[in-house]
């Protein structure tokens, strides 16, 4: 697992630059200016990774604890959704994928 933090404060604007990845294919990025509207996070997996939801959820919960209500996640369609909605969609997609493997 690799974690990179390139966040910095520029003239009162906090620029978030976090990246977390692992060998199994999970990639999590939180980049961009953090404002009163919040920041969006990009979560994706480049390969089937059973640890994805656990790692991503822990990461998002840590950020959400610092900035309640200010975190949005881009889903697979590129839409900004709440972290709760993102993980609901992700679990549903994983279940559908496992059903196709079983058939």
PDB file of N, CA and C in Angstrom:
ATOM      1  N   UNK A   1       0.851  -1.174   0.000  1.00  0.00           N
ATOM      2  CA  UNK A   1       0.000   0.000   0.000  1.00  0.00           C
ATOM      3  C   UNK A   1       0.891   1.230   0.000  1.00  0.00           C
ATOM      4  N   UNK A   2       0.460   2.229  -0.729  1.00  0.00           N
ATOM      5  CA  UNK A   2       1.216   3.471  -0.817  1.00  0.00           C
ATOM      6  C   UNK A   2       0.292   4.651  -0.538  1.00  0.00           C
ATOM      7  N   UNK A   3       0.755   5.592   0.251  1.00  0.00           N
ATOM      8  CA  UNK A   3      -0.016   6.798   0.572  1.00  0.00           C
ATOM      9  C   UNK A   3       0.839   8.013   0.263  1.00  0.00           C
ATOM     10  N   UNK A   4       0.234   8.984  -0.395  1.00  0.00           N
ATOM     11  CA  UNK A   4       0.953  10.194  -0.774  1.00  0.00           C
ATOM     12  C   UNK A   4       0.101  11.397  -0.376  1.00  0.00           C
ATOM     13  N   UNK A   5       0.703  12.360   0.304  1.00  0.00           N
ATOM     14  CA  UNK A   5       0.004  13.575   0.730  1.00  0.00           C
ATOM     15  C   UNK A   5       0.759  14.784   0.215  1.00  0.00           C
ATOM     16  N   UNK A   6       0.146  15.490  -0.716  1.00  0.00           N
ATOM     17  CA  UNK A   6       0.732  16.701  -1.283  1.00  0.00           C
ATOM     18  C   UNK A   6      -0.201  17.894  -1.050  1.00  0.00           C
ATOM     19  N   UNK A   7      -0.899  17.876   0.091  1.00  0.00           N
ATOM     20  CA  UNK A   7      -1.818  18.957   0.425  1.00  0.00           C
ATOM     21  C   UNK A   7      -1.034  20.183   0.859  1.00  0.00           C
ATOM     22  N   UNK A   8      -1.588  21.368   0.595  1.00  0.00           N
ATOM     23  CA  UNK A   8      -0.933  22.583   1.042  1.00  0.00           C
ATOM     24  C   UNK A   8      -1.931  23.730   1.096  1.00  0.00           C
ATOM     25  N   UNK A   9      -1.560  24.760   1.824  1.00  0.00           N
ATOM     26  CA  UNK A   9      -2.403  25.933   2.018  1.00  0.00           C
ATOM     27  C   UNK A   9      -1.810  27.083   1.211  1.00  0.00           C
ATOM     28  N   UNK A  10      -2.611  27.641   0.320  1.00  0.00           N
ATOM     29  CA  UNK A  10      -2.146  28.733  -0.531  1.00  0.00           C
ATOM     30  C   UNK A  10      -3.064  29.936  -0.381  1.00  0.00           C
ATOM     31  N   UNK A  11      -2.585  30.943   0.315  1.00  0.00           N
ATOM     32  CA  UNK A  11      -3.338  32.196   0.487  1.00  0.00           C
ATOM     33  C   UNK A  11      -4.770  31.951   0.965  1.00  0.00           C
ATOM     34  N   UNK A  12      -4.908  31.095   1.972  1.00  0.00           N
ATOM     35  CA  UNK A  12      -6.224  30.846   2.547  1.00  0.00           C
ATOM     36  C   UNK A  12      -7.033  29.773   1.849  1.00  0.00           C
ATOM     37  N   UNK A  13      -6.553  29.240   0.740  1.00  0.00           N
ATOM     38  CA  UNK A  13      -7.241  28.154   0.045  1.00  0.00           C
ATOM     39  C   UNK A  13      -6.473  26.872   0.299  1.00  0.00           C
ATOM     40  N   UNK A  14      -7.134  25.928   0.923  1.00  0.00           N
ATOM     41  CA  UNK A  14      -6.496  24.651   1.217  1.00  0.00           C
ATOM     42  C   UNK A  14      -6.635  23.753  -0.005  1.00  0.00           C
ATOM     43  N   UNK A  15      -5.511  23.307  -0.547  1.00  0.00           N
ATOM     44  CA  UNK A  15      -5.515  22.410  -1.693  1.00  0.00           C
ATOM     45  C   UNK A  15      -5.232  20.996  -1.223  1.00  0.00           C
ATOM     46  N   UNK A  16      -6.222  20.144  -1.373  1.00  0.00           N
ATOM     47  CA  UNK A  16      -6.118  18.771  -0.941  1.00  0.00           C
ATOM     48  C   UNK A  16      -5.480  17.948  -2.053  1.00  0.00           C
ATOM     49  N   UNK A  17      -4.472  17.174  -1.730  1.00  0.00           N
ATOM     50  CA  UNK A  17      -3.801  16.328  -2.702  1.00  0.00           C
ATOM     51  C   UNK A  17      -3.408  15.015  -2.068  1.00  0.00           C
ATOM     52  N   UNK A  18      -4.361  14.093  -1.947  1.00  0.00           N
ATOM     53  CA  UNK A  18      -4.111  12.807  -1.304  1.00  0.00           C
ATOM     54  C   UNK A  18      -4.276  11.681  -2.312  1.00  0.00           C
ATOM     55  N   UNK A  19      -3.452  10.680  -2.207  1.00  0.00           N
ATOM     56  CA  UNK A  19      -3.556   9.513  -3.080  1.00  0.00           C
ATOM     57  C   UNK A  19      -3.197   8.274  -2.275  1.00  0.00           C
ATOM     58  N   UNK A  20      -4.006   7.251  -2.421  1.00  0.00           N
ATOM     59  CA  UNK A  20      -3.801   5.984  -1.735  1.00  0.00           C
ATOM     60  C   UNK A  20      -4.011   4.871  -2.751  1.00  0.00           C
ATOM     61  N   UNK A  21      -3.072   3.934  -2.832  1.00  0.00           N
ATOM     62  CA  UNK A  21      -3.244   2.814  -3.750  1.00  0.00           C
ATOM     63  C   UNK A  21      -2.627   1.558  -3.144  1.00  0.00           C
ATOM     64  N   UNK A  22      -3.065   0.409  -3.659  1.00  0.00           N
ATOM     65  CA  UNK A  22      -2.456  -0.851  -3.230  1.00  0.00           C
ATOM     66  C   UNK A  22      -2.185  -1.728  -4.444  1.00  0.00           C
ATOM     67  N   UNK A  23      -1.466  -2.810  -4.223  1.00  0.00           N
ATOM     68  CA  UNK A  23      -1.053  -3.706  -5.291  1.00  0.00           C
ATOM     69  C   UNK A  23      -2.234  -4.427  -5.925  1.00  0.00           C
ATOM     70  N   UNK A  24      -3.349  -4.561  -5.198  1.00  0.00           N
ATOM     71  CA  UNK A  24      -4.518  -5.280  -5.706  1.00  0.00           C
ATOM     72  C   UNK A  24      -5.310  -4.476  -6.727  1.00  0.00           C
ATOM     73  N   UNK A  25      -5.056  -3.179  -6.834  1.00  0.00           N
ATOM     74  CA  UNK A  25      -5.729  -2.377  -7.850  1.00  0.00           C
ATOM     75  C   UNK A  25      -6.639  -1.277  -7.346  1.00  0.00           C
ATOM     76  N   UNK A  26      -6.691  -1.071  -6.037  1.00  0.00           N
ATOM     77  CA  UNK A  26      -7.508   0.016  -5.502  1.00  0.00           C
ATOM     78  C   UNK A  26      -6.749   1.332  -5.626  1.00  0.00           C
ATOM     79  N   UNK A  27      -7.431   2.356  -6.111  1.00  0.00           N
ATOM     80  CA  UNK A  27      -6.836   3.681  -6.216  1.00  0.00           C
ATOM     81  C   UNK A  27      -7.842   4.694  -5.692  1.00  0.00           C
ATOM     82  N   UNK A  28      -7.398   5.532  -4.765  1.00  0.00           N
ATOM     83  CA  UNK A  28      -8.252   6.545  -4.151  1.00  0.00           C
ATOM     84  C   UNK A  28      -7.531   7.874  -4.266  1.00  0.00           C
ATOM     85  N   UNK A  29      -8.221   8.870  -4.808  1.00  0.00           N
ATOM     86  CA  UNK A  29      -7.625  10.192  -4.926  1.00  0.00           C
ATOM     87  C   UNK A  29      -8.593  11.241  -4.406  1.00  0.00           C
ATOM     88  N   UNK A  30      -8.071  12.157  -3.633  1.00  0.00           N
ATOM     89  CA  UNK A  30      -8.825  13.315  -3.159  1.00  0.00           C
ATOM     90  C   UNK A  30      -7.982  14.526  -3.540  1.00  0.00           C
ATOM     91  N   UNK A  31      -8.395  15.207  -4.598  1.00  0.00           N
ATOM     92  CA  UNK A  31      -7.601  16.304  -5.144  1.00  0.00           C
ATOM     93  C   UNK A  31      -8.465  17.529  -5.403  1.00  0.00           C
ATOM     94  N   UNK A  32      -7.871  18.675  -5.245  1.00  0.00           N
ATOM     95  CA  UNK A  32      -8.548  19.913  -5.606  1.00  0.00           C
ATOM     96  C   UNK A  32      -8.696  20.858  -4.444  1.00  0.00           C
ATOM     97  N   UNK A  33      -9.150  22.055  -4.751  1.00  0.00           N
ATOM     98  CA  UNK A  33      -9.330  23.041  -3.680  1.00  0.00           C
ATOM     99  C   UNK A  33     -10.470  22.632  -2.759  1.00  0.00           C
ATOM    100  N   UNK A  34     -10.223  22.755  -1.482  1.00  0.00           N
ATOM    101  CA  UNK A  34     -11.270  22.481  -0.500  1.00  0.00           C
ATOM    102  C   UNK A  34     -11.920  23.800  -0.144  1.00  0.00           C
ATOM    103  N   UNK A  35     -13.211  23.898  -0.337  1.00  0.00           N
ATOM    104  CA  UNK A  35     -13.928  25.138  -0.051  1.00  0.00           C
ATOM    105  C   UNK A  35     -15.109  24.824   0.852  1.00  0.00           C
ATOM    106  N   UNK A  36     -15.945  25.825   1.087  1.00  0.00           N
ATOM    107  CA  UNK A  36     -17.133  25.592   1.906  1.00  0.00           C
ATOM    108  C   UNK A  36     -18.066  24.579   1.250  1.00  0.00           C
ATOM    109  N   UNK A  37     -17.940  24.369  -0.064  1.00  0.00           N
ATOM    110  CA  UNK A  37     -18.740  23.341  -0.748  1.00  0.00           C
ATOM    111  C   UNK A  37     -18.149  21.954  -0.571  1.00  0.00           C
ATOM    112  N   UNK A  38     -16.894  21.858  -0.211  1.00  0.00           N
ATOM    113  CA  UNK A  38     -16.262  20.567   0.028  1.00  0.00           C
ATOM    114  C   UNK A  38     -15.280  20.191  -1.057  1.00  0.00           C
ATOM    115  N   UNK A  39     -15.046  18.904  -1.191  1.00  0.00           N
ATOM    116  CA  UNK A  39     -14.101  18.374  -2.169  1.00  0.00           C
ATOM    117  C   UNK A  39     -14.649  17.042  -2.668  1.00  0.00           C
ATOM    118  N   UNK A  40     -14.306  16.694  -3.905  1.00  0.00           N
ATOM    119  CA  UNK A  40     -14.745  15.392  -4.387  1.00  0.00           C
ATOM    120  C   UNK A  40     -13.583  14.409  -4.353  1.00  0.00           C
ATOM    121  N   UNK A  41     -13.943  13.153  -4.230  1.00  0.00           N
ATOM    122  CA  UNK A  41     -12.965  12.072  -4.160  1.00  0.00           C
ATOM    123  C   UNK A  41     -13.214  11.129  -5.320  1.00  0.00           C
ATOM    124  N   UNK A  42     -12.164  10.686  -5.937  1.00  0.00           N
ATOM    125  CA  UNK A  42     -12.257   9.699  -7.004  1.00  0.00           C
ATOM    126  C   UNK A  42     -11.823   8.354  -6.442  1.00  0.00           C
ATOM    127  N   UNK A  43     -12.715   7.372  -6.484  1.00  0.00           N
ATOM    128  CA  UNK A  43     -12.429   6.032  -5.982  1.00  0.00           C
ATOM    129  C   UNK A  43     -12.605   5.053  -7.129  1.00  0.00           C
ATOM    130  N   UNK A  44     -11.612   4.236  -7.379  1.00  0.00           N
ATOM    131  CA  UNK A  44     -11.795   3.213  -8.398  1.00  0.00           C
ATOM    132  C   UNK A  44     -10.868   2.043  -8.163  1.00  0.00           C
ATOM    133  N   UNK A  45     -11.204   0.937  -8.808  1.00  0.00           N
ATOM    134  CA  UNK A  45     -10.354  -0.241  -8.755  1.00  0.00           C
ATOM    135  C   UNK A  45     -10.046  -0.658 -10.183  1.00  0.00           C
ATOM    136  N   UNK A  46      -8.783  -0.922 -10.452  1.00  0.00           N
ATOM    137  CA  UNK A  46      -8.379  -1.307 -11.800  1.00  0.00           C
ATOM    138  C   UNK A  46      -8.432  -2.823 -11.979  1.00  0.00           C
ATOM    139  N   UNK A  47      -8.664  -3.531 -10.904  1.00  0.00           N
ATOM    140  CA  UNK A  47      -8.800  -4.985 -10.938  1.00  0.00           C
ATOM    141  C   UNK A  47      -9.740  -5.395  -9.808  1.00  0.00           C
ATOM    142  N   UNK A  48     -10.241  -6.613  -9.877  1.00  0.00           N
ATOM    143  CA  UNK A  48     -11.094  -7.101  -8.792  1.00  0.00           C
ATOM    144  C   UNK A  48     -10.284  -7.085  -7.505  1.00  0.00           C
ATOM    145  N   UNK A  49     -10.772  -6.376  -6.516  1.00  0.00           N
ATOM    146  CA  UNK A  49     -10.053  -6.239  -5.251  1.00  0.00           C
ATOM    147  C   UNK A  49     -11.042  -6.385  -4.102  1.00  0.00           C
ATOM    148  N   UNK A  50     -11.015  -7.509  -3.402  1.00  0.00           N
ATOM    149  CA  UNK A  50     -11.976  -7.716  -2.314  1.00  0.00           C
ATOM    150  C   UNK A  50     -11.790  -6.741  -1.150  1.00  0.00           C
ATOM    151  N   UNK A  51     -10.646  -6.087  -1.065  1.00  0.00           N
ATOM    152  CA  UNK A  51     -10.409  -5.144   0.036  1.00  0.00           C
ATOM    153  C   UNK A  51     -10.837  -3.718  -0.312  1.00  0.00           C
ATOM    154  N   UNK A  52     -11.283  -3.499  -1.540  1.00  0.00           N
ATOM    155  CA  UNK A  52     -11.596  -2.149  -2.007  1.00  0.00           C
ATOM    156  C   UNK A  52     -12.567  -1.404  -1.096  1.00  0.00           C
ATOM    157  N   UNK A  53     -13.704  -2.021  -0.809  1.00  0.00           N
ATOM    158  CA  UNK A  53     -14.729  -1.321  -0.021  1.00  0.00           C
ATOM    159  C   UNK A  53     -14.217  -0.995   1.376  1.00  0.00           C
ATOM    160  N   UNK A  54     -13.495  -1.903   1.993  1.00  0.00           N
ATOM    161  CA  UNK A  54     -12.975  -1.668   3.342  1.00  0.00           C
ATOM    162  C   UNK A  54     -11.970  -0.518   3.340  1.00  0.00           C
ATOM    163  N   UNK A  55     -11.005  -0.558   2.424  1.00  0.00           N
ATOM    164  CA  UNK A  55      -9.976   0.483   2.360  1.00  0.00           C
ATOM    165  C   UNK A  55     -10.596   1.836   2.009  1.00  0.00           C
ATOM    166  N   UNK A  56     -11.421   1.842   0.972  1.00  0.00           N
ATOM    167  CA  UNK A  56     -12.037   3.097   0.528  1.00  0.00           C
ATOM    168  C   UNK A  56     -12.945   3.681   1.605  1.00  0.00           C
ATOM    169  N   UNK A  57     -13.715   2.821   2.257  1.00  0.00           N
ATOM    170  CA  UNK A  57     -14.625   3.284   3.310  1.00  0.00           C
ATOM    171  C   UNK A  57     -13.861   3.891   4.482  1.00  0.00           C
ATOM    172  N   UNK A  58     -12.790   3.242   4.909  1.00  0.00           N
ATOM    173  CA  UNK A  58     -11.969   3.784   5.998  1.00  0.00           C
ATOM    174  C   UNK A  58     -11.396   5.151   5.629  1.00  0.00           C
ATOM    175  N   UNK A  59     -10.903   5.273   4.391  1.00  0.00           N
ATOM    176  CA  UNK A  59     -10.316   6.530   3.918  1.00  0.00           C
ATOM    177  C   UNK A  59     -11.363   7.649   3.906  1.00  0.00           C
ATOM    178  N   UNK A  60     -12.525   7.347   3.335  1.00  0.00           N
ATOM    179  CA  UNK A  60     -13.595   8.347   3.241  1.00  0.00           C
ATOM    180  C   UNK A  60     -14.106   8.734   4.627  1.00  0.00           C
ATOM    181  N   UNK A  61     -14.260   7.758   5.515  1.00  0.00           N
ATOM    182  CA  UNK A  61     -14.733   8.055   6.870  1.00  0.00           C
ATOM    183  C   UNK A  61     -13.751   8.953   7.613  1.00  0.00           C
ATOM    184  N   UNK A  62     -12.468   8.753   7.399  1.00  0.00           N
ATOM    185  CA  UNK A  62     -11.466   9.617   8.031  1.00  0.00           C
ATOM    186  C   UNK A  62     -11.605  11.053   7.557  1.00  0.00           C
ATOM    187  N   UNK A  63     -11.775  11.233   6.241  1.00  0.00           N
ATOM    188  CA  UNK A  63     -11.954  12.584   5.707  1.00  0.00           C
ATOM    189  C   UNK A  63     -13.280  13.187   6.171  1.00  0.00           C
ATOM    190  N   UNK A  64     -14.339  12.384   6.159  1.00  0.00           N
ATOM    191  CA  UNK A  64     -15.662  12.879   6.564  1.00  0.00           C
ATOM    192  C   UNK A  64     -15.691  13.270   8.040  1.00  0.00           C
ATOM    193  N   UNK A  65     -14.891  12.621   8.860  1.00  0.00           N
ATOM    194  CA  UNK A  65     -14.825  12.994  10.278  1.00  0.00           C
ATOM    195  C   UNK A  65     -14.221  14.385  10.435  1.00  0.00           C
ATOM    196  N   UNK A  66     -13.276  14.723   9.566  1.00  0.00           N
ATOM    197  CA  UNK A  66     -12.660  16.051   9.612  1.00  0.00           C
ATOM    198  C   UNK A  66     -13.536  17.119   8.973  1.00  0.00           C
ATOM    199  N   UNK A  67     -14.284  16.729   7.917  1.00  0.00           N
ATOM    200  CA  UNK A  67     -15.113  17.675   7.173  1.00  0.00           C
ATOM    201  C   UNK A  67     -16.510  17.101   6.966  1.00  0.00           C
ATOM    202  N   UNK A  68     -17.323  17.039   8.023  1.00  0.00           N
ATOM    203  CA  UNK A  68     -18.668  16.448   7.910  1.00  0.00           C
ATOM    204  C   UNK A  68     -19.505  17.123   6.824  1.00  0.00           C
ATOM    205  N   UNK A  69     -20.122  16.295   5.985  1.00  0.00           N
ATOM    206  CA  UNK A  69     -21.017  16.796   4.945  1.00  0.00           C
ATOM    207  C   UNK A  69     -20.325  17.477   3.776  1.00  0.00           C
ATOM    208  N   UNK A  70     -19.008  17.439   3.731  1.00  0.00           N
ATOM    209  CA  UNK A  70     -18.265  18.153   2.689  1.00  0.00           C
ATOM    210  C   UNK A  70     -17.584  17.233   1.683  1.00  0.00           C
ATOM    211  N   UNK A  71     -17.822  15.924   1.794  1.00  0.00           N
ATOM    212  CA  UNK A  71     -17.145  14.968   0.931  1.00  0.00           C
ATOM    213  C   UNK A  71     -18.141  14.397  -0.075  1.00  0.00           C
ATOM    214  N   UNK A  72     -17.805  14.464  -1.358  1.00  0.00           N
ATOM    215  CA  UNK A  72     -18.586  13.827  -2.416  1.00  0.00           C
ATOM    216  C   UNK A  72     -17.681  12.866  -3.156  1.00  0.00           C
ATOM    217  N   UNK A  73     -18.276  11.828  -3.714  1.00  0.00           N
ATOM    218  CA  UNK A  73     -17.514  10.805  -4.414  1.00  0.00           C
ATOM    219  C   UNK A  73     -18.042  10.697  -5.840  1.00  0.00           C
ATOM    220  N   UNK A  74     -17.131  10.563  -6.807  1.00  0.00           N
ATOM    221  CA  UNK A  74     -17.544  10.317  -8.189  1.00  0.00           C
ATOM    222  C   UNK A  74     -17.802   8.825  -8.352  1.00  0.00           C
ATOM    223  N   UNK A  75     -18.998   8.477  -8.845  1.00  0.00           N
ATOM    224  CA  UNK A  75     -19.296   7.068  -9.077  1.00  0.00           C
ATOM    225  C   UNK A  75     -18.793   6.656 -10.461  1.00  0.00           C
ATOM    226  N   UNK A  76     -19.075   5.424 -10.855  1.00  0.00           N
ATOM    227  CA  UNK A  76     -18.561   4.904 -12.125  1.00  0.00           C
ATOM    228  C   UNK A  76     -19.122   5.642 -13.343  1.00  0.00           C
ATOM    229  N   UNK A  77     -20.219   6.369 -13.164  1.00  0.00           N
ATOM    230  CA  UNK A  77     -20.804   7.158 -14.255  1.00  0.00           C
ATOM    231  C   UNK A  77     -20.285   8.586 -14.266  1.00  0.00           C
ATOM    232  N   UNK A  78     -19.402   8.917 -13.328  1.00  0.00           N
ATOM    233  CA  UNK A  78     -18.859  10.267 -13.247  1.00  0.00           C
ATOM    234  C   UNK A  78     -19.741  11.242 -12.490  1.00  0.00           C
ATOM    235  N   UNK A  79     -20.784  10.734 -11.845  1.00  0.00           N
ATOM    236  CA  UNK A  79     -21.698  11.577 -11.076  1.00  0.00           C
ATOM    237  C   UNK A  79     -21.174  11.758  -9.659  1.00  0.00           C
ATOM    238  N   UNK A  80     -21.362  12.948  -9.109  1.00  0.00           N
ATOM    239  CA  UNK A  80     -20.996  13.189  -7.707  1.00  0.00           C
ATOM    240  C   UNK A  80     -22.132  12.712  -6.819  1.00  0.00           C
ATOM    241  N   UNK A  81     -21.803  11.813  -5.896  1.00  0.00           N
ATOM    242  CA  UNK A  81     -22.792  11.268  -4.971  1.00  0.00           C
ATOM    243  C   UNK A  81     -22.210  11.308  -3.564  1.00  0.00           C
ATOM    244  N   UNK A  82     -23.071  11.105  -2.583  1.00  0.00           N
ATOM    245  CA  UNK A  82     -22.596  11.045  -1.200  1.00  0.00           C
ATOM    246  C   UNK A  82     -21.795   9.759  -1.015  1.00  0.00           C
ATOM    247  N   UNK A  83     -20.895   9.722  -0.035  1.00  0.00           N
ATOM    248  CA  UNK A  83     -20.163   8.478   0.229  1.00  0.00           C
ATOM    249  C   UNK A  83     -21.097   7.295   0.511  1.00  0.00           C
ATOM    250  N   UNK A  84     -22.177   7.523   1.246  1.00  0.00           N
ATOM    251  CA  UNK A  84     -23.121   6.445   1.565  1.00  0.00           C
ATOM    252  C   UNK A  84     -23.711   5.871   0.278  1.00  0.00           C
ATOM    253  N   UNK A  85     -24.119   6.740  -0.646  1.00  0.00           N
ATOM    254  CA  UNK A  85     -24.695   6.295  -1.915  1.00  0.00           C
ATOM    255  C   UNK A  85     -23.646   5.574  -2.760  1.00  0.00           C
ATOM    256  N   UNK A  86     -22.429   6.074  -2.769  1.00  0.00           N
ATOM    257  CA  UNK A  86     -21.365   5.430  -3.541  1.00  0.00           C
ATOM    258  C   UNK A  86     -21.169   3.993  -3.087  1.00  0.00           C
ATOM    259  N   UNK A  87     -21.042   3.772  -1.782  1.00  0.00           N
ATOM    260  CA  UNK A  87     -20.781   2.426  -1.282  1.00  0.00           C
ATOM    261  C   UNK A  87     -21.992   1.516  -1.455  1.00  0.00           C
ATOM    262  N   UNK A  88     -23.200   2.071  -1.409  1.00  0.00           N
ATOM    263  CA  UNK A  88     -24.405   1.277  -1.690  1.00  0.00           C
ATOM    264  C   UNK A  88     -24.354   0.779  -3.131  1.00  0.00           C
ATOM    265  N   UNK A  89     -24.030   1.680  -4.080  1.00  0.00           N
ATOM    266  CA  UNK A  89     -23.932   1.306  -5.491  1.00  0.00           C
ATOM    267  C   UNK A  89     -22.815   0.280  -5.710  1.00  0.00           C
ATOM    268  N   UNK A  90     -21.696   0.479  -5.057  1.00  0.00           N
ATOM    269  CA  UNK A  90     -20.538  -0.408  -5.223  1.00  0.00           C
ATOM    270  C   UNK A  90     -20.856  -1.815  -4.729  1.00  0.00           C
ATOM    271  N   UNK A  91     -21.507  -1.923  -3.584  1.00  0.00           N
ATOM    272  CA  UNK A  91     -21.868  -3.240  -3.057  1.00  0.00           C
ATOM    273  C   UNK A  91     -22.852  -3.944  -3.989  1.00  0.00           C
ATOM    274  N   UNK A  92     -23.792  -3.194  -4.553  1.00  0.00           N
ATOM    275  CA  UNK A  92     -24.759  -3.770  -5.490  1.00  0.00           C
ATOM    276  C   UNK A  92     -24.047  -4.273  -6.750  1.00  0.00           C
ATOM    277  N   UNK A  93     -23.115  -3.500  -7.291  1.00  0.00           N
ATOM    278  CA  UNK A  93     -22.370  -3.916  -8.481  1.00  0.00           C
ATOM    279  C   UNK A  93     -21.537  -5.162  -8.189  1.00  0.00           C
ATOM    280  N   UNK A  94     -20.905  -5.214  -7.026  1.00  0.00           N
ATOM    281  CA  UNK A  94     -20.103  -6.385  -6.657  1.00  0.00           C
ATOM    282  C   UNK A  94     -20.987  -7.636  -6.564  1.00  0.00           C
ATOM    283  N   UNK A  95     -22.165  -7.490  -5.964  1.00  0.00           N
ATOM    284  CA  UNK A  95     -23.078  -8.628  -5.827  1.00  0.00           C
ATOM    285  C   UNK A  95     -23.533  -9.115  -7.203  1.00  0.00           C
ATOM    286  N   UNK A  96     -23.837  -8.176  -8.112  1.00  0.00           N
ATOM    287  CA  UNK A  96     -24.251  -8.556  -9.465  1.00  0.00           C
ATOM    288  C   UNK A  96     -23.110  -9.263 -10.200  1.00  0.00           C
ATOM    289  N   UNK A  97     -21.893  -8.775 -10.031  1.00  0.00           N
ATOM    290  CA  UNK A  97     -20.748  -9.387 -10.678  1.00  0.00           C
ATOM    291  C   UNK A  97     -20.524 -10.805 -10.171  1.00  0.00           C
ATOM    292  N   UNK A  98     -20.646 -11.017  -8.860  1.00  0.00           N
ATOM    293  CA  UNK A  98     -20.472 -12.345  -8.292  1.00  0.00           C
ATOM    294  C   UNK A  98     -21.562 -13.311  -8.774  1.00  0.00           C
ATOM    295  N   UNK A  99     -22.799 -12.797  -8.974  1.00  0.00           N
ATOM    296  CA  UNK A  99     -23.876 -13.645  -9.498  1.00  0.00           C
ATOM    297  C   UNK A  99     -23.554 -14.102 -10.921  1.00  0.00           C
ATOM    298  N   UNK A 100     -22.986 -13.211 -11.742  1.00  0.00           N
ATOM    299  CA  UNK A 100     -22.639 -13.601 -13.112  1.00  0.00           C
ATOM    300  C   UNK A 100     -21.541 -14.657 -13.121  1.00  0.00           C
ATOM    301  N   UNK A 101     -20.617 -14.600 -12.171  1.00  0.00           N
ATOM    302  CA  UNK A 101     -19.564 -15.605 -12.093  1.00  0.00           C
ATOM    303  C   UNK A 101     -20.124 -16.964 -11.683  1.00  0.00           C
ATOM    304  N   UNK A 102     -21.159 -16.950 -10.853  1.00  0.00           N
ATOM    305  CA  UNK A 102     -21.731 -18.188 -10.350  1.00  0.00           C
ATOM    306  C   UNK A 102     -22.538 -18.913 -11.435  1.00  0.00           C
ATOM    307  N   UNK A 103     -22.998 -18.185 -12.429  1.00  0.00           N
ATOM    308  CA  UNK A 103     -23.844 -18.809 -13.485  1.00  0.00           C
ATOM    309  C   UNK A 103     -23.039 -19.444 -14.560  1.00  0.00           C
TER     310      UNK A 103
END
